[in-house]
Amino acid sequence: MLDIDRLLSELERTIMSATRLLADVGGRKEETLRLGPGGEVQVRSSLRVGFLDEMVAAQASRPALASEPVVDLIRTKDGFKVLVHLPGVRRDDIRVAARPGSLAFEITTRGKTYRREVPCDIPPSNINIETIVENNSVVEITFARTEKDSPR
């Protein structure tokens, strides 16, 4: 047969020991006393360790998600890269048009359409998309510069 009283007593000692250890590392112990239905004193203990408080504070201090896309142009020796940053953006959400003097981007995601233009001094006929990489709400488009053969 199980000795329930002994098991409960051991469980209480283990919980109290763990509570003391957690309190020693910065937790805050709170106890409330009340009378039970049979007139016995009931003690309710709780311990706030603090790691959840730190997580909540960290979440609150994070900047809000961007509501407008950020488009960066990075020149490389063979052409350039364009990075489009927007939470939830995917490669299929982006349309690119090469125009004289600029690249035009149309980004449609979550029911909204955004338009951005970045300056580009390469003639549209000399621009080819080499790769498109999608990673964690950033789409990287690599453009290669092609030189057209000059007439002889």
N, C-alpha and C. Protein backbone atom coordinates (compact mmCIF):
# COMPACT_ATOMS: atom_id res chain seq x y z
N MET A 1 0.84 -1.20 0.00
CA MET A 1 0.00 0.00 0.00
C MET A 1 0.88 1.25 0.00
N LEU A 2 0.36 2.27 -0.64
CA LEU A 2 1.05 3.55 -0.67
C LEU A 2 0.78 4.32 0.60
N ASP A 3 1.80 4.93 1.09
CA ASP A 3 1.64 5.80 2.25
C ASP A 3 1.46 7.22 1.72
N ILE A 4 0.22 7.61 1.51
CA ILE A 4 -0.12 8.91 0.90
C ILE A 4 0.42 10.05 1.74
N ASP A 5 0.29 9.96 3.05
CA ASP A 5 0.78 11.05 3.91
C ASP A 5 2.28 11.24 3.74
N ARG A 6 3.03 10.12 3.65
CA ARG A 6 4.48 10.22 3.50
C ARG A 6 4.82 10.83 2.13
N LEU A 7 4.11 10.40 1.07
CA LEU A 7 4.35 10.95 -0.27
C LEU A 7 4.04 12.45 -0.33
N LEU A 8 2.93 12.84 0.27
CA LEU A 8 2.57 14.26 0.27
C LEU A 8 3.58 15.08 1.07
N SER A 9 4.04 14.54 2.18
CA SER A 9 5.04 15.22 2.99
C SER A 9 6.35 15.38 2.21
N GLU A 10 6.76 14.34 1.49
CA GLU A 10 7.98 14.40 0.67
C GLU A 10 7.82 15.40 -0.46
N LEU A 11 6.65 15.40 -1.09
CA LEU A 11 6.37 16.36 -2.16
C LEU A 11 6.43 17.79 -1.63
N GLU A 12 5.86 18.02 -0.44
CA GLU A 12 5.89 19.35 0.16
C GLU A 12 7.32 19.80 0.43
N ARG A 13 8.15 18.90 0.98
CA ARG A 13 9.56 19.24 1.25
C ARG A 13 10.29 19.57 -0.06
N THR A 14 10.02 18.80 -1.11
CA THR A 14 10.68 19.05 -2.40
C THR A 14 10.26 20.40 -2.97
N ILE A 15 8.99 20.70 -2.91
CA ILE A 15 8.49 21.98 -3.43
C ILE A 15 9.06 23.14 -2.61
N MET A 16 9.09 23.00 -1.30
CA MET A 16 9.63 24.07 -0.45
C MET A 16 11.11 24.28 -0.73
N SER A 17 11.85 23.19 -0.94
CA SER A 17 13.27 23.30 -1.25
C SER A 17 13.48 24.01 -2.58
N ALA A 18 12.70 23.63 -3.59
CA ALA A 18 12.80 24.27 -4.90
C ALA A 18 12.42 25.74 -4.79
N THR A 19 11.40 26.06 -4.02
CA THR A 19 10.96 27.44 -3.84
C THR A 19 12.07 28.27 -3.20
N ARG A 20 12.74 27.72 -2.18
CA ARG A 20 13.85 28.45 -1.54
C ARG A 20 14.98 28.68 -2.54
N LEU A 21 15.30 27.66 -3.34
CA LEU A 21 16.37 27.81 -4.32
C LEU A 21 16.02 28.90 -5.34
N LEU A 22 14.80 28.88 -5.83
CA LEU A 22 14.39 29.89 -6.80
C LEU A 22 14.35 31.28 -6.18
N ALA A 23 13.93 31.36 -4.93
CA ALA A 23 13.91 32.66 -4.24
C ALA A 23 15.32 33.20 -4.09
N ASP A 24 16.29 32.30 -3.87
CA ASP A 24 17.68 32.72 -3.71
C ASP A 24 18.27 33.30 -4.99
N VAL A 25 17.75 32.92 -6.15
CA VAL A 25 18.29 33.43 -7.41
C VAL A 25 17.49 34.62 -7.95
N GLY A 26 16.71 35.24 -7.10
CA GLY A 26 16.06 36.48 -7.49
C GLY A 26 14.56 36.40 -7.65
N GLY A 27 13.95 35.33 -7.29
CA GLY A 27 12.50 35.23 -7.39
C GLY A 27 11.83 35.99 -6.25
N ARG A 28 10.55 36.22 -6.36
CA ARG A 28 9.80 36.91 -5.32
C ARG A 28 8.71 35.96 -4.82
N LYS A 29 8.82 35.61 -3.56
CA LYS A 29 7.88 34.65 -2.98
C LYS A 29 6.69 35.42 -2.39
N GLU A 30 5.50 34.90 -2.66
CA GLU A 30 4.29 35.49 -2.12
C GLU A 30 3.48 34.39 -1.45
N GLU A 31 3.00 34.66 -0.24
CA GLU A 31 2.19 33.68 0.48
C GLU A 31 0.89 34.31 0.92
N THR A 32 -0.18 33.55 0.85
CA THR A 32 -1.46 34.00 1.37
C THR A 32 -1.99 32.92 2.32
N LEU A 33 -2.57 33.38 3.39
CA LEU A 33 -3.16 32.48 4.38
C LEU A 33 -4.67 32.65 4.35
N ARG A 34 -5.37 31.52 4.52
CA ARG A 34 -6.82 31.61 4.63
C ARG A 34 -7.32 30.40 5.41
N LEU A 35 -8.53 30.52 5.90
CA LEU A 35 -9.14 29.41 6.62
C LEU A 35 -9.87 28.53 5.63
N GLY A 36 -9.63 27.23 5.75
CA GLY A 36 -10.29 26.25 4.88
C GLY A 36 -11.70 25.98 5.38
N PRO A 37 -12.45 25.14 4.66
CA PRO A 37 -13.83 24.85 5.02
C PRO A 37 -13.96 24.16 6.38
N GLY A 38 -12.93 23.43 6.81
CA GLY A 38 -12.99 22.75 8.10
C GLY A 38 -12.34 23.55 9.22
N GLY A 39 -12.00 24.82 8.96
CA GLY A 39 -11.38 25.65 9.97
C GLY A 39 -9.85 25.57 9.98
N GLU A 40 -9.28 24.72 9.11
CA GLU A 40 -7.82 24.60 9.07
C GLU A 40 -7.22 25.78 8.31
N VAL A 41 -5.99 26.10 8.67
CA VAL A 41 -5.26 27.18 8.01
C VAL A 41 -4.67 26.63 6.72
N GLN A 42 -4.92 27.31 5.61
CA GLN A 42 -4.35 26.92 4.33
C GLN A 42 -3.36 27.98 3.90
N VAL A 43 -2.20 27.53 3.47
CA VAL A 43 -1.16 28.44 3.00
C VAL A 43 -1.00 28.24 1.50
N ARG A 44 -1.07 29.33 0.80
CA ARG A 44 -0.86 29.27 -0.64
C ARG A 44 0.39 30.06 -0.96
N SER A 45 1.37 29.39 -1.55
CA SER A 45 2.63 30.03 -1.90
C SER A 45 2.76 30.14 -3.40
N SER A 46 3.33 31.24 -3.84
CA SER A 46 3.67 31.38 -5.25
C SER A 46 5.01 32.08 -5.33
N LEU A 47 5.68 31.85 -6.44
CA LEU A 47 7.01 32.41 -6.62
C LEU A 47 7.10 32.99 -8.02
N ARG A 48 7.49 34.25 -8.10
CA ARG A 48 7.72 34.88 -9.40
C ARG A 48 9.22 34.91 -9.60
N VAL A 49 9.65 34.18 -10.60
CA VAL A 49 11.08 34.04 -10.82
C VAL A 49 11.65 35.22 -11.58
N GLY A 50 10.91 35.78 -12.47
CA GLY A 50 11.38 36.97 -13.16
C GLY A 50 11.72 36.78 -14.62
N PHE A 51 11.99 35.55 -15.05
CA PHE A 51 12.35 35.40 -16.45
C PHE A 51 11.20 35.74 -17.37
N LEU A 52 9.96 35.48 -16.94
CA LEU A 52 8.83 35.87 -17.78
C LEU A 52 8.69 37.38 -17.84
N ASP A 53 8.96 38.04 -16.71
CA ASP A 53 8.92 39.50 -16.71
C ASP A 53 9.94 40.07 -17.69
N GLU A 54 11.14 39.46 -17.72
CA GLU A 54 12.18 39.92 -18.63
C GLU A 54 11.77 39.69 -20.08
N MET A 55 11.11 38.54 -20.35
CA MET A 55 10.66 38.26 -21.71
C MET A 55 9.61 39.28 -22.15
N VAL A 56 8.68 39.60 -21.27
CA VAL A 56 7.63 40.56 -21.60
C VAL A 56 8.24 41.94 -21.85
N ALA A 57 9.21 42.34 -21.01
CA ALA A 57 9.87 43.63 -21.20
C ALA A 57 10.63 43.66 -22.52
N ALA A 58 11.28 42.55 -22.87
CA ALA A 58 12.01 42.49 -24.14
C ALA A 58 11.06 42.60 -25.32
N GLN A 59 9.89 41.96 -25.23
CA GLN A 59 8.91 42.04 -26.30
C GLN A 59 8.41 43.48 -26.45
N ALA A 60 8.19 44.15 -25.33
CA ALA A 60 7.67 45.51 -25.37
C ALA A 60 8.69 46.48 -25.95
N SER A 61 9.99 46.20 -25.76
CA SER A 61 11.01 47.12 -26.24
C SER A 61 11.37 46.90 -27.70
N ARG A 62 10.85 45.84 -28.32
CA ARG A 62 11.12 45.60 -29.74
C ARG A 62 10.40 46.64 -30.58
N PRO A 63 11.03 47.06 -31.66
CA PRO A 63 10.33 48.00 -32.53
C PRO A 63 9.15 47.30 -33.21
N ALA A 64 8.14 48.07 -33.51
CA ALA A 64 6.97 47.52 -34.19
C ALA A 64 7.39 47.04 -35.57
N LEU A 65 6.66 46.07 -36.08
CA LEU A 65 6.96 45.58 -37.41
C LEU A 65 6.79 46.70 -38.42
N ALA A 66 7.66 46.70 -39.40
CA ALA A 66 7.60 47.74 -40.42
C ALA A 66 6.30 47.63 -41.19
N SER A 67 5.70 48.77 -41.47
CA SER A 67 4.47 48.74 -42.25
C SER A 67 4.74 49.17 -43.68
N GLU A 68 5.93 49.65 -43.96
CA GLU A 68 6.33 50.06 -45.29
C GLU A 68 7.59 49.30 -45.67
N PRO A 69 7.72 48.89 -46.91
CA PRO A 69 8.92 48.16 -47.30
C PRO A 69 10.15 49.07 -47.34
N VAL A 70 11.29 48.49 -47.06
CA VAL A 70 12.56 49.18 -47.20
C VAL A 70 13.27 48.53 -48.38
N VAL A 71 13.72 49.34 -49.32
CA VAL A 71 14.42 48.83 -50.51
C VAL A 71 15.82 49.40 -50.50
N ASP A 72 16.82 48.50 -50.48
CA ASP A 72 18.23 48.90 -50.49
C ASP A 72 18.87 48.46 -51.80
N LEU A 73 19.72 49.31 -52.34
CA LEU A 73 20.47 48.99 -53.55
C LEU A 73 21.94 48.91 -53.17
N ILE A 74 22.58 47.79 -53.50
CA ILE A 74 24.00 47.58 -53.19
C ILE A 74 24.72 47.30 -54.50
N ARG A 75 25.69 48.14 -54.81
CA ARG A 75 26.46 47.94 -56.04
C ARG A 75 27.50 46.85 -55.82
N THR A 76 27.68 46.00 -56.84
CA THR A 76 28.72 44.97 -56.84
C THR A 76 29.57 45.19 -58.09
N LYS A 77 30.68 44.44 -58.21
CA LYS A 77 31.55 44.67 -59.37
C LYS A 77 30.88 44.21 -60.68
N ASP A 78 29.98 43.23 -60.59
CA ASP A 78 29.33 42.70 -61.79
C ASP A 78 27.92 43.23 -62.02
N GLY A 79 27.44 44.07 -61.15
CA GLY A 79 26.07 44.58 -61.28
C GLY A 79 25.63 45.20 -59.97
N PHE A 80 24.55 44.69 -59.39
CA PHE A 80 24.08 45.19 -58.10
C PHE A 80 23.08 44.23 -57.52
N LYS A 81 22.80 44.41 -56.22
CA LYS A 81 21.78 43.63 -55.50
C LYS A 81 20.76 44.60 -54.96
N VAL A 82 19.53 44.15 -54.94
CA VAL A 82 18.46 44.92 -54.33
C VAL A 82 17.88 44.06 -53.21
N LEU A 83 17.78 44.63 -52.02
CA LEU A 83 17.18 43.95 -50.88
C LEU A 83 15.85 44.62 -50.56
N VAL A 84 14.80 43.81 -50.49
CA VAL A 84 13.48 44.32 -50.14
C VAL A 84 13.13 43.73 -48.77
N HIS A 85 12.98 44.59 -47.77
CA HIS A 85 12.66 44.18 -46.40
C HIS A 85 11.21 44.54 -46.09
N LEU A 86 10.41 43.55 -45.75
CA LEU A 86 9.05 43.79 -45.31
C LEU A 86 8.54 42.51 -44.67
N PRO A 87 8.04 42.56 -43.43
CA PRO A 87 7.54 41.34 -42.79
C PRO A 87 6.53 40.62 -43.67
N GLY A 88 6.79 39.34 -43.88
CA GLY A 88 5.88 38.51 -44.66
C GLY A 88 6.07 38.58 -46.17
N VAL A 89 7.03 39.38 -46.65
CA VAL A 89 7.21 39.51 -48.09
C VAL A 89 7.80 38.22 -48.67
N ARG A 90 7.34 37.88 -49.87
CA ARG A 90 7.85 36.71 -50.58
C ARG A 90 8.24 37.14 -51.99
N ARG A 91 9.04 36.32 -52.64
CA ARG A 91 9.52 36.68 -53.97
C ARG A 91 8.38 36.90 -54.96
N ASP A 92 7.29 36.15 -54.80
CA ASP A 92 6.15 36.29 -55.72
C ASP A 92 5.38 37.60 -55.51
N ASP A 93 5.67 38.30 -54.41
CA ASP A 93 4.97 39.55 -54.10
C ASP A 93 5.60 40.76 -54.81
N ILE A 94 6.74 40.56 -55.47
CA ILE A 94 7.52 41.68 -55.99
C ILE A 94 7.55 41.67 -57.51
N ARG A 95 7.29 42.84 -58.10
CA ARG A 95 7.42 43.03 -59.55
C ARG A 95 8.47 44.12 -59.77
N VAL A 96 9.33 43.91 -60.76
CA VAL A 96 10.42 44.86 -61.03
C VAL A 96 10.31 45.33 -62.47
N ALA A 97 10.51 46.63 -62.67
CA ALA A 97 10.55 47.20 -64.02
C ALA A 97 11.78 48.09 -64.12
N ALA A 98 12.60 47.82 -65.13
CA ALA A 98 13.78 48.66 -65.38
C ALA A 98 13.36 49.81 -66.27
N ARG A 99 13.65 51.02 -65.81
CA ARG A 99 13.33 52.23 -66.57
C ARG A 99 14.62 53.03 -66.75
N PRO A 100 14.66 53.91 -67.72
CA PRO A 100 15.86 54.74 -67.85
C PRO A 100 16.08 55.56 -66.58
N GLY A 101 17.20 55.33 -65.92
CA GLY A 101 17.55 56.09 -64.71
C GLY A 101 17.03 55.51 -63.41
N SER A 102 16.22 54.43 -63.45
CA SER A 102 15.70 53.88 -62.18
C SER A 102 15.19 52.46 -62.35
N LEU A 103 15.02 51.82 -61.20
CA LEU A 103 14.33 50.53 -61.13
C LEU A 103 13.06 50.77 -60.32
N ALA A 104 11.94 50.32 -60.84
CA ALA A 104 10.66 50.50 -60.15
C ALA A 104 10.23 49.16 -59.56
N PHE A 105 9.84 49.18 -58.29
CA PHE A 105 9.39 47.98 -57.59
C PHE A 105 7.95 48.15 -57.17
N GLU A 106 7.16 47.12 -57.40
CA GLU A 106 5.79 47.09 -56.91
C GLU A 106 5.69 45.87 -56.00
N ILE A 107 5.35 46.09 -54.75
CA ILE A 107 5.30 45.03 -53.75
C ILE A 107 3.86 44.92 -53.27
N THR A 108 3.26 43.76 -53.49
CA THR A 108 1.88 43.53 -53.06
C THR A 108 1.88 42.39 -52.06
N THR A 109 1.51 42.69 -50.82
CA THR A 109 1.46 41.67 -49.77
C THR A 109 0.38 42.04 -48.77
N ARG A 110 -0.27 41.06 -48.21
CA ARG A 110 -1.34 41.24 -47.21
C ARG A 110 -2.38 42.27 -47.66
N GLY A 111 -2.71 42.24 -48.95
CA GLY A 111 -3.76 43.12 -49.47
C GLY A 111 -3.34 44.55 -49.71
N LYS A 112 -2.06 44.89 -49.53
CA LYS A 112 -1.59 46.25 -49.76
C LYS A 112 -0.56 46.25 -50.88
N THR A 113 -0.54 47.35 -51.62
CA THR A 113 0.44 47.50 -52.69
C THR A 113 1.31 48.71 -52.38
N TYR A 114 2.63 48.50 -52.47
CA TYR A 114 3.61 49.55 -52.24
C TYR A 114 4.42 49.73 -53.51
N ARG A 115 4.83 50.96 -53.79
CA ARG A 115 5.68 51.23 -54.94
C ARG A 115 6.93 51.98 -54.47
N ARG A 116 8.06 51.52 -54.97
CA ARG A 116 9.34 52.15 -54.65
C ARG A 116 10.15 52.28 -55.93
N GLU A 117 10.93 53.34 -56.03
CA GLU A 117 11.86 53.50 -57.14
C GLU A 117 13.23 53.79 -56.57
N VAL A 118 14.23 53.13 -57.13
CA VAL A 118 15.61 53.40 -56.73
C VAL A 118 16.38 53.83 -57.96
N PRO A 119 17.29 54.82 -57.81
CA PRO A 119 18.06 55.29 -58.96
C PRO A 119 18.99 54.19 -59.49
N CYS A 120 19.13 54.13 -60.78
CA CYS A 120 20.00 53.15 -61.42
C CYS A 120 20.50 53.75 -62.73
N ASP A 121 21.83 53.90 -62.85
CA ASP A 121 22.39 54.54 -64.03
C ASP A 121 22.73 53.56 -65.15
N ILE A 122 22.38 52.30 -64.99
CA ILE A 122 22.63 51.29 -66.02
C ILE A 122 21.44 51.28 -66.97
N PRO A 123 21.66 51.33 -68.26
CA PRO A 123 20.53 51.29 -69.21
C PRO A 123 19.71 50.01 -69.02
N PRO A 124 18.39 50.10 -69.10
CA PRO A 124 17.54 48.93 -68.90
C PRO A 124 17.91 47.74 -69.78
N SER A 125 18.37 47.99 -70.98
CA SER A 125 18.71 46.88 -71.89
C SER A 125 19.96 46.13 -71.44
N ASN A 126 20.72 46.70 -70.50
CA ASN A 126 21.95 46.05 -70.02
C ASN A 126 21.76 45.39 -68.65
N ILE A 127 20.50 45.19 -68.22
CA ILE A 127 20.24 44.62 -66.91
C ILE A 127 19.53 43.28 -67.06
N ASN A 128 20.05 42.26 -66.38
CA ASN A 128 19.40 40.94 -66.34
C ASN A 128 19.29 40.50 -64.88
N ILE A 129 18.16 39.89 -64.52
CA ILE A 129 18.03 39.32 -63.18
C ILE A 129 18.78 38.01 -63.16
N GLU A 130 19.73 37.90 -62.23
CA GLU A 130 20.56 36.70 -62.12
C GLU A 130 19.99 35.71 -61.11
N THR A 131 19.67 36.19 -59.89
CA THR A 131 19.10 35.31 -58.86
C THR A 131 18.08 36.08 -58.03
N ILE A 132 17.14 35.33 -57.47
CA ILE A 132 16.19 35.88 -56.50
C ILE A 132 16.19 34.93 -55.31
N VAL A 133 16.52 35.46 -54.13
CA VAL A 133 16.60 34.65 -52.92
C VAL A 133 15.65 35.23 -51.89
N GLU A 134 14.83 34.38 -51.31
CA GLU A 134 13.86 34.78 -50.29
C GLU A 134 14.33 34.20 -48.96
N ASN A 135 14.46 35.04 -47.92
CA ASN A 135 14.91 34.56 -46.62
C ASN A 135 14.36 35.44 -45.51
N ASN A 136 13.45 34.91 -44.71
CA ASN A 136 12.98 35.57 -43.49
C ASN A 136 12.55 37.03 -43.72
N SER A 137 11.58 37.23 -44.58
CA SER A 137 11.00 38.54 -44.88
C SER A 137 11.95 39.49 -45.60
N VAL A 138 13.00 38.95 -46.20
CA VAL A 138 13.90 39.74 -47.03
C VAL A 138 14.01 39.03 -48.37
N VAL A 139 13.79 39.77 -49.43
CA VAL A 139 13.98 39.22 -50.77
C VAL A 139 15.19 39.92 -51.37
N GLU A 140 16.17 39.12 -51.80
CA GLU A 140 17.40 39.64 -52.40
C GLU A 140 17.37 39.32 -53.89
N ILE A 141 17.45 40.36 -54.70
CA ILE A 141 17.45 40.19 -56.15
C ILE A 141 18.82 40.64 -56.65
N THR A 142 19.52 39.73 -57.34
CA THR A 142 20.84 40.05 -57.89
C THR A 142 20.69 40.33 -59.37
N PHE A 143 21.16 41.49 -59.78
CA PHE A 143 21.10 41.89 -61.17
C PHE A 143 22.52 41.85 -61.74
N ALA A 144 22.64 41.28 -62.92
CA ALA A 144 23.93 41.25 -63.60
C ALA A 144 23.93 42.31 -64.69
N ARG A 145 25.05 42.95 -64.83
CA ARG A 145 25.19 43.95 -65.89
C ARG A 145 25.67 43.22 -67.14
N THR A 146 24.99 43.44 -68.22
CA THR A 146 25.43 42.86 -69.49
C THR A 146 25.83 43.99 -70.41
N GLU A 147 26.93 43.81 -71.06
CA GLU A 147 27.39 44.82 -72.02
C GLU A 147 26.97 44.37 -73.41
N LYS A 148 26.23 45.19 -74.07
CA LYS A 148 25.81 44.88 -75.45
C LYS A 148 27.00 45.06 -76.37
N ASP A 149 27.08 44.20 -77.35
CA ASP A 149 28.15 44.34 -78.33
C ASP A 149 27.98 45.66 -79.08
N SER A 150 29.06 46.38 -79.19
CA SER A 150 28.98 47.65 -79.92
C SER A 150 29.10 47.36 -81.43
N PRO A 151 28.44 48.16 -82.26
CA PRO A 151 28.51 47.92 -83.70
C PRO A 151 29.93 48.15 -84.22
N ARG A 152 30.36 47.34 -85.19
CA ARG A 152 31.71 47.46 -85.74
C ARG A 152 31.72 48.26 -87.01
